[in-house]
Amino acid sequence: MLYKSLKQLMCISTFLFFIALPEVKSQAVEKKSSAEGWIGLSCGFTGQASLEVKRIAELLVTKQYTTLVELINTGTPAAQSLAVMACEVLVKQRELSLPPSVRDKIVFLYQSNQHVNVCSGCVLNSSLAIGKLLMQTSRLSFGRTLRNYFQNIYEKSTSKI
């Protein structure tokens, strides 16, 4: 009788463990994606953009282009790489011209092996070299996806509807 009760208790506890495990994992990922230094458009269980991406998007919407340029020199590695992408969109649209010192810093970042944390959903958390992110050579195409995202943000902020 005692053996049967223990066996049932083990089955119930194992079942509860496997039900609770995904929730605990998704909360951990959610905390990471909302922390500074993470880059992603669909992070965590809710699939929201990371805090760093939201900050850069807000600077684009509010046309704080000077702050974007400053982030290239002074921001965290994640903010620097995102600011480079956003500034490249603005340069392409002829909304911004960059001074030589900032262009030199961008060249340096394109060659950088320093890593930034990237996320996609609640299943992918990894790090990626800034240079690979900017050159769009990562197997995950984060650079291209982020540039498209910033391009769309720019277009929406400048459209006259």
Protein backbone atom coordinates (compact mmCIF):
# COMPACT_ATOMS: atom_id res chain seq x y z
CA MET A 1 0.00 0.00 0.00
CA LEU A 2 2.79 2.41 0.96
CA TYR A 3 4.67 1.51 -2.23
CA LYS A 4 1.62 2.29 -4.36
CA SER A 5 1.15 5.67 -2.63
CA LEU A 6 4.80 6.57 -3.15
CA LYS A 7 4.59 5.56 -6.80
CA GLN A 8 1.50 7.73 -7.32
CA LEU A 9 3.18 10.63 -5.53
CA MET A 10 6.24 10.30 -7.79
CA CYS A 11 4.05 10.29 -10.91
CA ILE A 12 2.16 13.38 -9.76
CA SER A 13 5.32 15.29 -8.82
CA THR A 14 6.99 14.39 -12.15
CA PHE A 15 3.91 15.54 -14.04
CA LEU A 16 3.81 18.84 -12.12
CA PHE A 17 7.53 19.38 -12.69
CA PHE A 18 7.20 19.08 -16.46
CA ILE A 19 4.18 21.37 -16.53
CA ALA A 20 5.94 24.04 -14.44
CA LEU A 21 9.33 23.83 -16.21
CA PRO A 22 8.34 25.67 -19.44
CA GLU A 23 6.77 28.50 -17.42
CA VAL A 24 9.91 28.94 -15.31
CA LYS A 25 12.09 28.87 -18.44
CA SER A 26 9.92 31.42 -20.28
CA GLN A 27 10.02 33.79 -17.30
CA ALA A 28 13.82 33.58 -17.28
CA VAL A 29 13.96 34.34 -21.02
CA GLU A 30 11.46 37.18 -20.57
CA LYS A 31 13.71 38.76 -17.91
CA LYS A 32 16.71 38.49 -20.22
CA SER A 33 14.99 40.08 -23.21
CA SER A 34 13.74 42.99 -21.15
CA ALA A 35 17.22 43.57 -19.72
CA GLU A 36 19.71 45.95 -21.26
CA GLY A 37 22.05 44.47 -23.80
CA TRP A 38 19.72 42.01 -25.53
CA ILE A 39 18.78 42.32 -29.20
CA GLY A 40 15.69 40.72 -30.67
CA LEU A 41 12.32 41.41 -32.25
CA SER A 42 10.34 38.54 -30.80
CA CYS A 43 11.92 37.81 -27.45
CA GLY A 44 10.56 35.66 -24.71
CA PHE A 45 7.16 34.12 -24.28
CA THR A 46 5.30 37.28 -25.34
CA GLY A 47 7.29 37.79 -28.54
CA GLN A 48 8.02 41.47 -27.99
CA ALA A 49 10.98 43.48 -29.18
CA SER A 50 13.82 43.74 -26.69
CA LEU A 51 14.30 46.86 -24.61
CA GLU A 52 17.30 47.96 -26.71
CA VAL A 53 15.36 47.62 -29.98
CA LYS A 54 12.43 49.57 -28.52
CA ARG A 55 14.78 52.39 -27.43
CA ILE A 56 16.30 52.73 -30.89
CA ALA A 57 12.87 52.60 -32.54
CA GLU A 58 11.65 55.37 -30.23
CA LEU A 59 14.63 57.53 -31.20
CA LEU A 60 13.74 57.02 -34.86
CA VAL A 61 10.08 57.88 -34.32
CA THR A 62 10.88 61.01 -32.33
CA LYS A 63 13.59 61.99 -34.84
CA GLN A 64 16.34 62.11 -32.21
CA TYR A 65 18.97 61.39 -34.82
CA THR A 66 21.77 63.11 -32.89
CA THR A 67 21.23 60.71 -30.00
CA LEU A 68 21.43 57.78 -32.41
CA VAL A 69 24.78 59.02 -33.69
CA GLU A 70 26.04 59.51 -30.13
CA LEU A 71 25.11 55.92 -29.25
CA ILE A 72 27.50 54.66 -31.91
CA ASN A 73 30.38 56.05 -29.84
CA THR A 74 29.08 55.78 -26.30
CA GLY A 75 26.40 53.10 -26.07
CA THR A 76 26.53 49.52 -24.93
CA PRO A 77 27.62 47.04 -27.62
CA ALA A 78 23.96 46.22 -28.31
CA ALA A 79 22.98 49.88 -28.54
CA GLN A 80 25.99 50.62 -30.74
CA SER A 81 25.16 47.93 -33.27
CA LEU A 82 21.47 48.88 -33.36
CA ALA A 83 22.34 52.57 -33.72
CA VAL A 84 24.59 51.73 -36.67
CA MET A 85 21.71 49.93 -38.39
CA ALA A 86 19.28 52.78 -37.70
CA CYS A 87 21.78 55.37 -38.93
CA GLU A 88 22.41 53.35 -42.09
CA VAL A 89 18.67 53.51 -42.79
CA LEU A 90 18.73 57.29 -42.27
CA VAL A 91 21.80 57.74 -44.48
CA LYS A 92 20.13 55.67 -47.21
CA GLN A 93 17.06 57.93 -46.96
CA ARG A 94 19.32 61.04 -47.03
CA GLU A 95 18.04 62.12 -43.64
CA LEU A 96 21.47 62.02 -42.05
CA SER A 97 25.11 62.45 -42.95
CA LEU A 98 27.75 61.07 -40.66
CA PRO A 99 31.00 62.82 -39.74
CA PRO A 100 34.26 61.00 -40.56
CA SER A 101 34.91 60.06 -36.92
CA VAL A 102 31.56 58.25 -36.72
CA ARG A 103 32.15 56.54 -40.06
CA ASP A 104 35.52 55.34 -38.69
CA LYS A 105 33.79 53.95 -35.58
CA ILE A 106 31.28 52.15 -37.80
CA VAL A 107 34.12 50.56 -39.78
CA PHE A 108 35.64 49.47 -36.44
CA LEU A 109 32.31 47.96 -35.33
CA TYR A 110 31.95 46.07 -38.62
CA GLN A 111 35.25 44.36 -37.79
CA SER A 112 34.46 43.81 -34.12
CA ASN A 113 34.44 40.34 -32.59
CA GLN A 114 32.76 41.60 -29.43
CA HIS A 115 29.56 39.67 -28.81
CA VAL A 116 26.02 40.83 -28.15
CA ASN A 117 23.16 38.72 -26.85
CA VAL A 118 20.39 37.93 -29.33
CA CYS A 119 17.02 36.34 -28.76
CA SER A 120 14.19 35.04 -30.88
CA GLY A 121 11.12 33.69 -29.18
CA CYS A 122 11.53 31.67 -26.05
CA VAL A 123 13.70 29.03 -27.71
CA LEU A 124 16.73 30.94 -29.00
CA ASN A 125 19.13 32.80 -26.77
CA SER A 126 22.60 33.16 -28.15
CA SER A 127 25.42 35.59 -28.67
CA LEU A 128 26.65 36.94 -31.95
CA ALA A 129 29.72 38.98 -32.92
CA ILE A 130 28.83 42.60 -33.70
CA GLY A 131 30.69 42.36 -37.01
CA LYS A 132 28.65 39.34 -38.11
CA LEU A 133 25.44 41.01 -37.00
CA LEU A 134 26.22 44.16 -38.97
CA MET A 135 27.50 42.35 -42.06
CA GLN A 136 24.38 40.18 -42.15
CA THR A 137 26.48 37.03 -42.32
CA SER A 138 24.83 35.34 -39.37
CA ARG A 139 22.86 32.24 -40.19
CA LEU A 140 19.87 33.83 -38.47
CA SER A 141 19.82 37.02 -40.60
CA PHE A 142 19.31 39.22 -37.54
CA GLY A 143 21.02 42.16 -39.23
CA ARG A 144 18.74 42.14 -42.26
CA THR A 145 15.62 41.64 -40.16
CA LEU A 146 16.54 44.49 -37.82
CA ARG A 147 17.34 46.84 -40.71
CA ASN A 148 13.96 46.05 -42.26
CA TYR A 149 12.30 46.69 -38.92
CA PHE A 150 14.01 50.09 -38.56
CA GLN A 151 13.20 50.91 -42.20
CA ASN A 152 9.52 50.22 -41.51
CA ILE A 153 9.62 52.31 -38.33
CA TYR A 154 11.19 55.18 -40.27
CA GLU A 155 8.64 54.96 -43.08
CA LYS A 156 5.70 54.90 -40.67
CA SER A 157 7.06 57.87 -38.74
CA THR A 158 7.48 59.96 -41.90
CA SER A 159 4.29 58.97 -43.73
CA LYS A 160 1.63 61.64 -43.90
CA ILE A 161 -1.66 59.84 -43.35
